[in-house]
PDB file of N, CA and C in Angstrom:
ATOM      1  N   MET A   1     128.349 102.669 140.000  1.00  0.00           N
ATOM      2  CA  MET A   1     127.285 104.034 141.102  1.00  0.00           C
ATOM      3  C   MET A   1     125.624 102.692 140.376  1.00  0.00           C
ATOM      4  N   GLY A   2     125.512 103.546 139.019  1.00  0.00           N
ATOM      5  CA  GLY A   2     123.950 103.037 139.138  1.00  0.00           C
ATOM      6  C   GLY A   2     122.971 103.895 139.089  1.00  0.00           C
ATOM      7  N   ALA A   3     121.971 103.869 139.413  1.00  0.00           N
ATOM      8  CA  ALA A   3     120.985 104.700 139.079  1.00  0.00           C
ATOM      9  C   ALA A   3     120.799 104.630 140.486  1.00  0.00           C
ATOM     10  N   VAL A   4     119.250 105.399 141.146  1.00  0.00           N
ATOM     11  CA  VAL A   4     119.391 106.254 142.771  1.00  0.00           C
ATOM     12  C   VAL A   4     117.726 105.821 142.970  1.00  0.00           C
ATOM     13  N   ALA A   5     118.078 104.629 143.949  1.00  0.00           N
ATOM     14  CA  ALA A   5     116.523 104.482 144.221  1.00  0.00           C
ATOM     15  C   ALA A   5     115.642 105.323 145.395  1.00  0.00           C
ATOM     16  N   LEU A   6     114.174 105.830 144.230  1.00  0.00           N
ATOM     17  CA  LEU A   6     113.598 106.889 144.753  1.00  0.00           C
ATOM     18  C   LEU A   6     112.587 106.538 145.922  1.00  0.00           C
ATOM     19  N   THR A   7     112.192 106.859 146.921  1.00  0.00           N
ATOM     20  CA  THR A   7     110.887 106.534 147.677  1.00  0.00           C
ATOM     21  C   THR A   7     109.854 107.629 147.705  1.00  0.00           C
ATOM     22  N   LYS A   8     108.729 107.606 148.170  1.00  0.00           N
ATOM     23  CA  LYS A   8     107.762 109.183 148.172  1.00  0.00           C
ATOM     24  C   LYS A   8     108.728 109.999 149.210  1.00  0.00           C
ATOM     25  N   ASP A   9     109.828 109.897 150.092  1.00  0.00           N
ATOM     26  CA  ASP A   9     110.423 110.958 150.973  1.00  0.00           C
ATOM     27  C   ASP A   9     111.475 111.837 149.903  1.00  0.00           C
ATOM     28  N   THR A  10     112.043 111.107 148.865  1.00  0.00           N
ATOM     29  CA  THR A  10     113.123 111.875 148.281  1.00  0.00           C
ATOM     30  C   THR A  10     112.732 112.408 146.599  1.00  0.00           C
ATOM     31  N   PHE A  11     111.257 111.561 146.162  1.00  0.00           N
ATOM     32  CA  PHE A  11     111.053 111.859 144.419  1.00  0.00           C
ATOM     33  C   PHE A  11     111.061 113.030 144.808  1.00  0.00           C
ATOM     34  N   GLN A  12     110.079 113.997 145.321  1.00  0.00           N
ATOM     35  CA  GLN A  12     109.974 115.217 144.457  1.00  0.00           C
ATOM     36  C   GLN A  12     111.418 116.050 144.478  1.00  0.00           C
ATOM     37  N   SER A  13     112.085 115.501 146.371  1.00  0.00           N
ATOM     38  CA  SER A  13     113.753 116.793 145.700  1.00  0.00           C
ATOM     39  C   SER A  13     114.630 116.325 144.456  1.00  0.00           C
ATOM     40  N   SER A  14     114.347 114.803 143.810  1.00  0.00           N
ATOM     41  CA  SER A  14     115.400 114.406 142.986  1.00  0.00           C
ATOM     42  C   SER A  14     114.756 114.560 141.819  1.00  0.00           C
ATOM     43  N   ILE A  15     113.428 115.277 141.188  1.00  0.00           N
ATOM     44  CA  ILE A  15     113.013 115.335 139.892  1.00  0.00           C
ATOM     45  C   ILE A  15     112.736 116.644 139.907  1.00  0.00           C
ATOM     46  N   GLN A  16     113.118 117.495 140.996  1.00  0.00           N
ATOM     47  CA  GLN A  16     112.760 118.990 141.271  1.00  0.00           C
ATOM     48  C   GLN A  16     113.576 120.236 140.474  1.00  0.00           C
ATOM     49  N   SER A  17     114.477 119.337 139.781  1.00  0.00           N
ATOM     50  CA  SER A  17     115.851 120.479 139.052  1.00  0.00           C
ATOM     51  C   SER A  17     116.557 119.810 138.373  1.00  0.00           C
ATOM     52  N   GLY A  18     116.813 120.407 136.940  1.00  0.00           N
ATOM     53  CA  GLY A  18     117.611 119.235 136.028  1.00  0.00           C
ATOM     54  C   GLY A  18     116.179 118.234 135.080  1.00  0.00           C
ATOM     55  N   VAL A  19     116.816 117.299 134.387  1.00  0.00           N
ATOM     56  CA  VAL A  19     116.761 116.759 133.644  1.00  0.00           C
ATOM     57  C   VAL A  19     116.643 115.306 134.527  1.00  0.00           C
ATOM     58  N   SER A  20     115.274 114.301 134.771  1.00  0.00           N
ATOM     59  CA  SER A  20     115.242 113.343 135.213  1.00  0.00           C
ATOM     60  C   SER A  20     114.635 112.206 134.792  1.00  0.00           C
ATOM     61  N   LEU A  21     115.046 110.636 134.668  1.00  0.00           N
ATOM     62  CA  LEU A  21     114.264 109.582 134.334  1.00  0.00           C
ATOM     63  C   LEU A  21     114.519 108.460 135.691  1.00  0.00           C
ATOM     64  N   VAL A  22     112.897 108.294 134.972  1.00  0.00           N
ATOM     65  CA  VAL A  22     112.602 107.123 136.274  1.00  0.00           C
ATOM     66  C   VAL A  22     111.664 106.254 135.879  1.00  0.00           C
ATOM     67  N   ASP A  23     112.435 105.051 136.487  1.00  0.00           N
ATOM     68  CA  ASP A  23     112.090 103.612 135.736  1.00  0.00           C
ATOM     69  C   ASP A  23     111.406 102.782 136.859  1.00  0.00           C
ATOM     70  N   PHE A  24     110.521 103.101 136.757  1.00  0.00           N
ATOM     71  CA  PHE A  24     109.351 102.151 137.938  1.00  0.00           C
ATOM     72  C   PHE A  24     109.132 100.801 137.063  1.00  0.00           C
ATOM     73  N   TRP A  25     109.577 100.081 138.254  1.00  0.00           N
ATOM     74  CA  TRP A  25     109.769  98.590 138.298  1.00  0.00           C
ATOM     75  C   TRP A  25     109.207  97.760 139.376  1.00  0.00           C
ATOM     76  N   ALA A  26     109.295  96.296 138.995  1.00  0.00           N
ATOM     77  CA  ALA A  26     109.101  95.512 140.147  1.00  0.00           C
ATOM     78  C   ALA A  26     109.934  94.124 139.628  1.00  0.00           C
ATOM     79  N   PRO A  27     110.823  93.352 141.420  1.00  0.00           N
ATOM     80  CA  PRO A  27     111.349  92.968 141.167  1.00  0.00           C
ATOM     81  C   PRO A  27     110.718  91.388 140.461  1.00  0.00           C
ATOM     82  N   TRP A  28     109.458  91.059 140.376  1.00  0.00           N
ATOM     83  CA  TRP A  28     108.453  89.519 139.955  1.00  0.00           C
ATOM     84  C   TRP A  28     108.040  90.380 138.867  1.00  0.00           C
ATOM     85  N   CYS A  29     108.527  91.127 137.676  1.00  0.00           N
ATOM     86  CA  CYS A  29     108.642  92.130 136.347  1.00  0.00           C
ATOM     87  C   CYS A  29     109.304  91.548 135.227  1.00  0.00           C
ATOM     88  N   GLY A  30     108.865  90.272 134.395  1.00  0.00           N
ATOM     89  CA  GLY A  30     110.626  89.832 133.867  1.00  0.00           C
ATOM     90  C   GLY A  30     111.047  91.333 132.417  1.00  0.00           C
ATOM     91  N   PRO A  31     110.238  91.513 132.181  1.00  0.00           N
ATOM     92  CA  PRO A  31     110.733  93.229 131.600  1.00  0.00           C
ATOM     93  C   PRO A  31     111.522  93.910 132.215  1.00  0.00           C
ATOM     94  N   CYS A  32     110.999  94.153 133.619  1.00  0.00           N
ATOM     95  CA  CYS A  32     111.567  94.850 134.289  1.00  0.00           C
ATOM     96  C   CYS A  32     113.516  94.460 134.275  1.00  0.00           C
ATOM     97  N   GLN A  33     113.639  93.370 134.657  1.00  0.00           N
ATOM     98  CA  GLN A  33     114.910  92.760 134.675  1.00  0.00           C
ATOM     99  C   GLN A  33     115.347  93.129 133.502  1.00  0.00           C
ATOM    100  N   ILE A  34     114.685  93.039 132.554  1.00  0.00           N
ATOM    101  CA  ILE A  34     115.689  93.499 131.319  1.00  0.00           C
ATOM    102  C   ILE A  34     115.943  95.017 131.022  1.00  0.00           C
ATOM    103  N   GLN A  35     115.327  95.847 131.229  1.00  0.00           N
ATOM    104  CA  GLN A  35     115.059  97.129 131.284  1.00  0.00           C
ATOM    105  C   GLN A  35     116.461  98.209 132.590  1.00  0.00           C
ATOM    106  N   LEU A  36     116.157  97.550 133.344  1.00  0.00           N
ATOM    107  CA  LEU A  36     116.984  97.213 135.114  1.00  0.00           C
ATOM    108  C   LEU A  36     118.407  97.984 134.464  1.00  0.00           C
ATOM    109  N   PRO A  37     119.353  96.693 133.879  1.00  0.00           N
ATOM    110  CA  PRO A  37     120.128  97.423 133.839  1.00  0.00           C
ATOM    111  C   PRO A  37     120.873  97.750 133.003  1.00  0.00           C
ATOM    112  N   ILE A  38     120.240  98.097 131.759  1.00  0.00           N
ATOM    113  CA  ILE A  38     120.067  99.616 130.992  1.00  0.00           C
ATOM    114  C   ILE A  38     119.783 100.331 131.384  1.00  0.00           C
ATOM    115  N   VAL A  39     119.205 100.877 132.217  1.00  0.00           N
ATOM    116  CA  VAL A  39     118.922 101.963 133.087  1.00  0.00           C
ATOM    117  C   VAL A  39     120.120 102.182 134.190  1.00  0.00           C
ATOM    118  N   HIS A  40     120.715 101.255 134.855  1.00  0.00           N
ATOM    119  CA  HIS A  40     121.700 101.336 135.431  1.00  0.00           C
ATOM    120  C   HIS A  40     123.305 101.809 134.501  1.00  0.00           C
ATOM    121  N   GLU A  41     123.150 101.308 133.155  1.00  0.00           N
ATOM    122  CA  GLU A  41     124.192 101.500 132.781  1.00  0.00           C
ATOM    123  C   GLU A  41     124.495 103.262 132.045  1.00  0.00           C
ATOM    124  N   LEU A  42     123.477 103.238 131.827  1.00  0.00           N
ATOM    125  CA  LEU A  42     122.540 104.909 131.457  1.00  0.00           C
ATOM    126  C   LEU A  42     122.933 106.216 132.180  1.00  0.00           C
ATOM    127  N   ALA A  43     122.896 105.530 133.163  1.00  0.00           N
ATOM    128  CA  ALA A  43     123.135 106.728 134.953  1.00  0.00           C
ATOM    129  C   ALA A  43     124.657 106.571 134.809  1.00  0.00           C
ATOM    130  N   ASP A  44     125.622 104.887 134.619  1.00  0.00           N
ATOM    131  CA  ASP A  44     127.018 105.623 134.902  1.00  0.00           C
ATOM    132  C   ASP A  44     127.596 106.408 133.916  1.00  0.00           C
ATOM    133  N   GLU A  45     127.039 106.528 132.562  1.00  0.00           N
ATOM    134  CA  GLU A  45     126.857 107.096 131.550  1.00  0.00           C
ATOM    135  C   GLU A  45     126.903 108.821 131.791  1.00  0.00           C
ATOM    136  N   MET A  46     125.527 108.899 132.527  1.00  0.00           N
ATOM    137  CA  MET A  46     125.037 109.949 132.620  1.00  0.00           C
ATOM    138  C   MET A  46     125.424 111.139 133.225  1.00  0.00           C
ATOM    139  N   ASN A  47     126.199 110.041 134.547  1.00  0.00           N
ATOM    140  CA  ASN A  47     126.476 111.247 136.007  1.00  0.00           C
ATOM    141  C   ASN A  47     127.131 112.178 135.595  1.00  0.00           C
ATOM    142  N   GLY A  48     126.251 113.570 136.541  1.00  0.00           N
ATOM    143  CA  GLY A  48     126.241 114.531 136.259  1.00  0.00           C
ATOM    144  C   GLY A  48     125.655 114.853 135.118  1.00  0.00           C
ATOM    145  N   GLN A  49     124.744 114.683 134.006  1.00  0.00           N
ATOM    146  CA  GLN A  49     124.138 115.159 133.407  1.00  0.00           C
ATOM    147  C   GLN A  49     122.445 115.148 133.114  1.00  0.00           C
ATOM    148  N   ALA A  50     122.431 114.009 134.471  1.00  0.00           N
ATOM    149  CA  ALA A  50     120.900 114.100 134.466  1.00  0.00           C
ATOM    150  C   ALA A  50     120.854 113.427 135.663  1.00  0.00           C
ATOM    151  N   THR A  51     119.337 113.011 136.487  1.00  0.00           N
ATOM    152  CA  THR A  51     119.396 112.183 137.226  1.00  0.00           C
ATOM    153  C   THR A  51     119.179 111.150 137.066  1.00  0.00           C
ATOM    154  N   ILE A  52     119.380 109.850 137.120  1.00  0.00           N
ATOM    155  CA  ILE A  52     119.077 108.600 136.648  1.00  0.00           C
ATOM    156  C   ILE A  52     118.099 107.479 137.671  1.00  0.00           C
ATOM    157  N   ALA A  53     116.962 107.670 138.494  1.00  0.00           N
ATOM    158  CA  ALA A  53     116.684 106.667 139.376  1.00  0.00           C
ATOM    159  C   ALA A  53     115.740 105.317 139.064  1.00  0.00           C
ATOM    160  N   THR A  54     115.258 105.040 139.646  1.00  0.00           N
ATOM    161  CA  THR A  54     114.583 103.684 139.736  1.00  0.00           C
ATOM    162  C   THR A  54     113.338 103.918 140.870  1.00  0.00           C
ATOM    163  N   VAL A  55     112.105 103.344 140.903  1.00  0.00           N
ATOM    164  CA  VAL A  55     111.073 103.202 141.825  1.00  0.00           C
ATOM    165  C   VAL A  55     110.603 101.824 142.014  1.00  0.00           C
ATOM    166  N   ASN A  56     110.794 100.945 143.034  1.00  0.00           N
ATOM    167  CA  ASN A  56     110.196  99.451 142.744  1.00  0.00           C
ATOM    168  C   ASN A  56     108.543 100.033 143.023  1.00  0.00           C
ATOM    169  N   VAL A  57     107.648  99.438 142.547  1.00  0.00           N
ATOM    170  CA  VAL A  57     106.497  99.744 142.817  1.00  0.00           C
ATOM    171  C   VAL A  57     105.616  98.724 143.901  1.00  0.00           C
ATOM    172  N   ASP A  58     106.275  97.977 143.945  1.00  0.00           N
ATOM    173  CA  ASP A  58     105.829  97.315 145.221  1.00  0.00           C
ATOM    174  C   ASP A  58     106.143  97.853 147.032  1.00  0.00           C
ATOM    175  N   GLU A  59     107.138  98.717 146.809  1.00  0.00           N
ATOM    176  CA  GLU A  59     107.286  99.320 147.777  1.00  0.00           C
ATOM    177  C   GLU A  59     106.849 100.953 147.746  1.00  0.00           C
ATOM    178  N   GLN A  60     106.775 101.452 146.583  1.00  0.00           N
ATOM    179  CA  GLN A  60     106.487 102.529 146.343  1.00  0.00           C
ATOM    180  C   GLN A  60     104.867 102.551 145.897  1.00  0.00           C
ATOM    181  N   GLY A  61     104.015 101.920 146.541  1.00  0.00           N
ATOM    182  CA  GLY A  61     102.675 102.453 145.488  1.00  0.00           C
ATOM    183  C   GLY A  61     101.927 103.521 145.274  1.00  0.00           C
ATOM    184  N   GLU A  62     102.167 104.254 146.276  1.00  0.00           N
ATOM    185  CA  GLU A  62     101.540 105.794 146.438  1.00  0.00           C
ATOM    186  C   GLU A  62     102.282 106.046 145.323  1.00  0.00           C
ATOM    187  N   LEU A  63     103.349 106.127 144.591  1.00  0.00           N
ATOM    188  CA  LEU A  63     104.348 106.760 143.484  1.00  0.00           C
ATOM    189  C   LEU A  63     103.389 106.368 142.411  1.00  0.00           C
ATOM    190  N   ALA A  64     103.326 105.119 142.621  1.00  0.00           N
ATOM    191  CA  ALA A  64     103.036 104.748 141.432  1.00  0.00           C
ATOM    192  C   ALA A  64     101.574 104.968 140.779  1.00  0.00           C
ATOM    193  N   SER A  65     100.650 105.355 141.803  1.00  0.00           N
ATOM    194  CA  SER A  65      99.451 105.612 141.823  1.00  0.00           C
ATOM    195  C   SER A  65      99.111 106.953 141.152  1.00  0.00           C
ATOM    196  N   GLN A  66     100.185 107.490 141.836  1.00  0.00           N
ATOM    197  CA  GLN A  66     100.429 109.087 141.849  1.00  0.00           C
ATOM    198  C   GLN A  66     100.611 109.477 140.176  1.00  0.00           C
ATOM    199  N   PHE A  67     101.523 108.484 139.818  1.00  0.00           N
ATOM    200  CA  PHE A  67     101.664 108.976 137.814  1.00  0.00           C
ATOM    201  C   PHE A  67     101.097 107.797 137.619  1.00  0.00           C
ATOM    202  N   GLY A  68      99.981 107.090 138.069  1.00  0.00           N
ATOM    203  CA  GLY A  68      98.972 106.089 136.555  1.00  0.00           C
ATOM    204  C   GLY A  68      99.451 105.406 136.716  1.00  0.00           C
ATOM    205  N   ILE A  69     101.221 104.457 137.261  1.00  0.00           N
ATOM    206  CA  ILE A  69     101.325 103.250 135.894  1.00  0.00           C
ATOM    207  C   ILE A  69     100.548 102.363 136.463  1.00  0.00           C
ATOM    208  N   ARG A  70     100.246 101.493 135.506  1.00  0.00           N
ATOM    209  CA  ARG A  70      99.571 100.842 135.110  1.00  0.00           C
ATOM    210  C   ARG A  70     100.058  99.627 134.712  1.00  0.00           C
ATOM    211  N   SER A  71     101.438  99.577 133.915  1.00  0.00           N
ATOM    212  CA  SER A  71     101.854  98.552 133.280  1.00  0.00           C
ATOM    213  C   SER A  71     103.380  99.146 133.356  1.00  0.00           C
ATOM    214  N   ILE A  72     104.235  97.661 133.418  1.00  0.00           N
ATOM    215  CA  ILE A  72     105.686  98.195 133.779  1.00  0.00           C
ATOM    216  C   ILE A  72     106.145  97.372 133.026  1.00  0.00           C
ATOM    217  N   PRO A  73     107.621  97.703 132.530  1.00  0.00           N
ATOM    218  CA  PRO A  73     108.565  99.135 133.617  1.00  0.00           C
ATOM    219  C   PRO A  73     107.555  99.798 132.463  1.00  0.00           C
ATOM    220  N   ALA A  74     108.035 101.101 133.325  1.00  0.00           N
ATOM    221  CA  ALA A  74     107.570 102.496 132.752  1.00  0.00           C
ATOM    222  C   ALA A  74     108.513 103.547 133.221  1.00  0.00           C
ATOM    223  N   LEU A  75     108.773 104.349 131.902  1.00  0.00           N
ATOM    224  CA  LEU A  75     109.951 105.111 132.569  1.00  0.00           C
ATOM    225  C   LEU A  75     109.297 106.722 132.108  1.00  0.00           C
ATOM    226  N   LEU A  76     109.944 107.484 133.149  1.00  0.00           N
ATOM    227  CA  LEU A  76     109.250 108.807 133.102  1.00  0.00           C
ATOM    228  C   LEU A  76     109.961 110.030 133.181  1.00  0.00           C
ATOM    229  N   LEU A  77     109.895 110.690 132.024  1.00  0.00           N
ATOM    230  CA  LEU A  77     111.299 111.732 131.725  1.00  0.00           C
ATOM    231  C   LEU A  77     110.325 112.718 132.399  1.00  0.00           C
ATOM    232  N   PHE A  78     111.221 113.880 133.191  1.00  0.00           N
ATOM    233  CA  PHE A  78     110.734 115.020 133.978  1.00  0.00           C
ATOM    234  C   PHE A  78     112.006 115.988 133.355  1.00  0.00           C
ATOM    235  N   LYS A  79     111.561 117.085 133.411  1.00  0.00           N
ATOM    236  CA  LYS A  79     112.826 118.360 133.058  1.00  0.00           C
ATOM    237  C   LYS A  79     112.128 119.510 134.344  1.00  0.00           C
ATOM    238  N   ASP A  80     113.105 119.816 135.365  1.00  0.00           N
ATOM    239  CA  ASP A  80     112.566 120.799 136.378  1.00  0.00           C
ATOM    240  C   ASP A  80     110.675 120.346 137.013  1.00  0.00           C
ATOM    241  N   GLY A  81     111.138 119.007 137.888  1.00  0.00           N
ATOM    242  CA  GLY A  81     110.427 118.523 137.839  1.00  0.00           C
ATOM    243  C   GLY A  81     108.569 118.549 137.369  1.00  0.00           C
ATOM    244  N   LYS A  82     108.968 118.678 136.286  1.00  0.00           N
ATOM    245  CA  LYS A  82     107.432 118.513 135.293  1.00  0.00           C
ATOM    246  C   LYS A  82     107.582 118.006 134.527  1.00  0.00           C
ATOM    247  N   LEU A  83     106.695 116.113 134.059  1.00  0.00           N
ATOM    248  CA  LEU A  83     106.525 115.207 133.552  1.00  0.00           C
ATOM    249  C   LEU A  83     106.655 115.598 132.078  1.00  0.00           C
ATOM    250  N   ILE A  84     107.726 115.104 131.307  1.00  0.00           N
ATOM    251  CA  ILE A  84     108.082 115.190 129.842  1.00  0.00           C
ATOM    252  C   ILE A  84     106.974 114.309 128.991  1.00  0.00           C
ATOM    253  N   GLU A  85     107.715 113.272 128.843  1.00  0.00           N
ATOM    254  CA  GLU A  85     107.017 112.244 128.739  1.00  0.00           C
ATOM    255  C   GLU A  85     107.261 110.603 129.361  1.00  0.00           C
ATOM    256  N   GLN A  86     106.347 109.787 129.089  1.00  0.00           N
ATOM    257  CA  GLN A  86     105.946 108.589 129.744  1.00  0.00           C
ATOM    258  C   GLN A  86     106.172 107.518 128.670  1.00  0.00           C
ATOM    259  N   MET A  87     106.959 106.368 128.972  1.00  0.00           N
ATOM    260  CA  MET A  87     107.768 105.915 127.910  1.00  0.00           C
ATOM    261  C   MET A  87     107.351 103.534 128.607  1.00  0.00           C
ATOM    262  N   VAL A  88     106.393 103.141 128.244  1.00  0.00           N
ATOM    263  CA  VAL A  88     105.956 101.927 128.516  1.00  0.00           C
ATOM    264  C   VAL A  88     106.989 100.927 128.075  1.00  0.00           C
ATOM    265  N   GLY A  89     107.336  99.701 128.661  1.00  0.00           N
ATOM    266  CA  GLY A  89     107.686  98.545 128.057  1.00  0.00           C
ATOM    267  C   GLY A  89     109.349  99.114 127.995  1.00  0.00           C
ATOM    268  N   ILE A  90     110.541  97.960 127.745  1.00  0.00           N
ATOM    269  CA  ILE A  90     111.698  97.862 127.491  1.00  0.00           C
ATOM    270  C   ILE A  90     112.326  99.031 126.301  1.00  0.00           C
ATOM    271  N   ASN A  91     112.713  99.995 126.971  1.00  0.00           N
ATOM    272  CA  ASN A  91     113.552 101.077 125.853  1.00  0.00           C
ATOM    273  C   ASN A  91     114.787 100.683 125.581  1.00  0.00           C
ATOM    274  N   GLN A  92     115.474 100.474 125.073  1.00  0.00           N
ATOM    275  CA  GLN A  92     117.270 100.674 124.378  1.00  0.00           C
ATOM    276  C   GLN A  92     117.818 101.671 124.757  1.00  0.00           C
ATOM    277  N   LYS A  93     119.196 101.135 125.154  1.00  0.00           N
ATOM    278  CA  LYS A  93     119.790 102.311 125.936  1.00  0.00           C
ATOM    279  C   LYS A  93     119.971 103.772 124.662  1.00  0.00           C
ATOM    280  N   PRO A  94     120.327 103.377 123.743  1.00  0.00           N
ATOM    281  CA  PRO A  94     120.720 105.009 122.800  1.00  0.00           C
ATOM    282  C   PRO A  94     118.990 105.626 123.010  1.00  0.00           C
ATOM    283  N   VAL A  95     118.084 104.885 122.959  1.00  0.00           N
ATOM    284  CA  VAL A  95     116.803 105.996 122.703  1.00  0.00           C
ATOM    285  C   VAL A  95     116.578 106.555 124.217  1.00  0.00           C
ATOM    286  N   LEU A  96     116.692 106.201 125.088  1.00  0.00           N
ATOM    287  CA  LEU A  96     116.776 106.580 126.217  1.00  0.00           C
ATOM    288  C   LEU A  96     117.831 107.709 126.053  1.00  0.00           C
ATOM    289  N   LYS A  97     119.230 107.318 126.097  1.00  0.00           N
ATOM    290  CA  LYS A  97     119.959 108.899 126.257  1.00  0.00           C
ATOM    291  C   LYS A  97     120.034 109.635 125.010  1.00  0.00           C
ATOM    292  N   SER A  98     118.904 109.481 124.204  1.00  0.00           N
ATOM    293  CA  SER A  98     118.917 110.526 122.878  1.00  0.00           C
ATOM    294  C   SER A  98     117.968 111.731 123.880  1.00  0.00           C
ATOM    295  N   LYS A  99     116.916 110.973 123.979  1.00  0.00           N
ATOM    296  CA  LYS A  99     115.549 111.626 124.630  1.00  0.00           C
ATOM    297  C   LYS A  99     115.952 112.335 126.225  1.00  0.00           C
ATOM    298  N   VAL A 100     117.207 111.916 127.035  1.00  0.00           N
ATOM    299  CA  VAL A 100     117.461 112.478 128.050  1.00  0.00           C
ATOM    300  C   VAL A 100     118.432 113.233 127.368  1.00  0.00           C
ATOM    301  N   LEU A 101     119.226 113.439 126.687  1.00  0.00           N
ATOM    302  CA  LEU A 101     119.955 114.301 126.154  1.00  0.00           C
ATOM    303  C   LEU A 101     119.137 115.800 125.350  1.00  0.00           C
ATOM    304  N   SER A 102     118.550 115.357 124.572  1.00  0.00           N
ATOM    305  CA  SER A 102     117.730 116.221 123.365  1.00  0.00           C
ATOM    306  C   SER A 102     117.466 117.324 125.196  1.00  0.00           C
ATOM    307  N   GLN A 103     116.339 116.293 126.257  1.00  0.00           N
ATOM    308  CA  GLN A 103     116.120 117.599 126.926  1.00  0.00           C
ATOM    309  C   GLN A 103     116.988 118.697 127.771  1.00  0.00           C
ATOM    310  N   VAL A 104     118.198 117.904 128.244  1.00  0.00           N
ATOM    311  CA  VAL A 104     119.439 118.328 128.804  1.00  0.00           C
ATOM    312  C   VAL A 104     120.298 119.204 127.908  1.00  0.00           C
ATOM    313  N   ASN A 105     119.731 119.749 126.738  1.00  0.00           N
ATOM    314  CA  ASN A 105     120.376 120.441 125.833  1.00  0.00           C
ATOM    315  C   ASN A 105     119.586 121.331 125.119  1.00  0.00           C
ATOM    316  N   SER A 106     118.253 121.400 125.858  1.00  0.00           N
ATOM    317  CA  SER A 106     116.957 122.704 125.254  1.00  0.00           C
ATOM    318  C   SER A 106     116.736 123.603 126.158  1.00  0.00           C
TER     319      SER A 106
END
């Protein structure tokens, strides 16, 4: 199943409630190609506990500028629609999982 691909039309409704981790990436970005499989694995593991999603910055430039994304991969953690944390660069699965779970359990 993996992560859900979001667009400007689906973004707000997807992050509105609960905990969401969104990976901003692009097909031409080398580090993004390392991060993406980690994000998809996490999505499978956390199925039902949190929303794990991706945004292709080439296709969704409006969303990228809305959140001031300047370098990718960028991972944004939301709780009930509110931005909690922004991480840039490659993050390992255990790090991401513990950040998501700390919000789920708070």
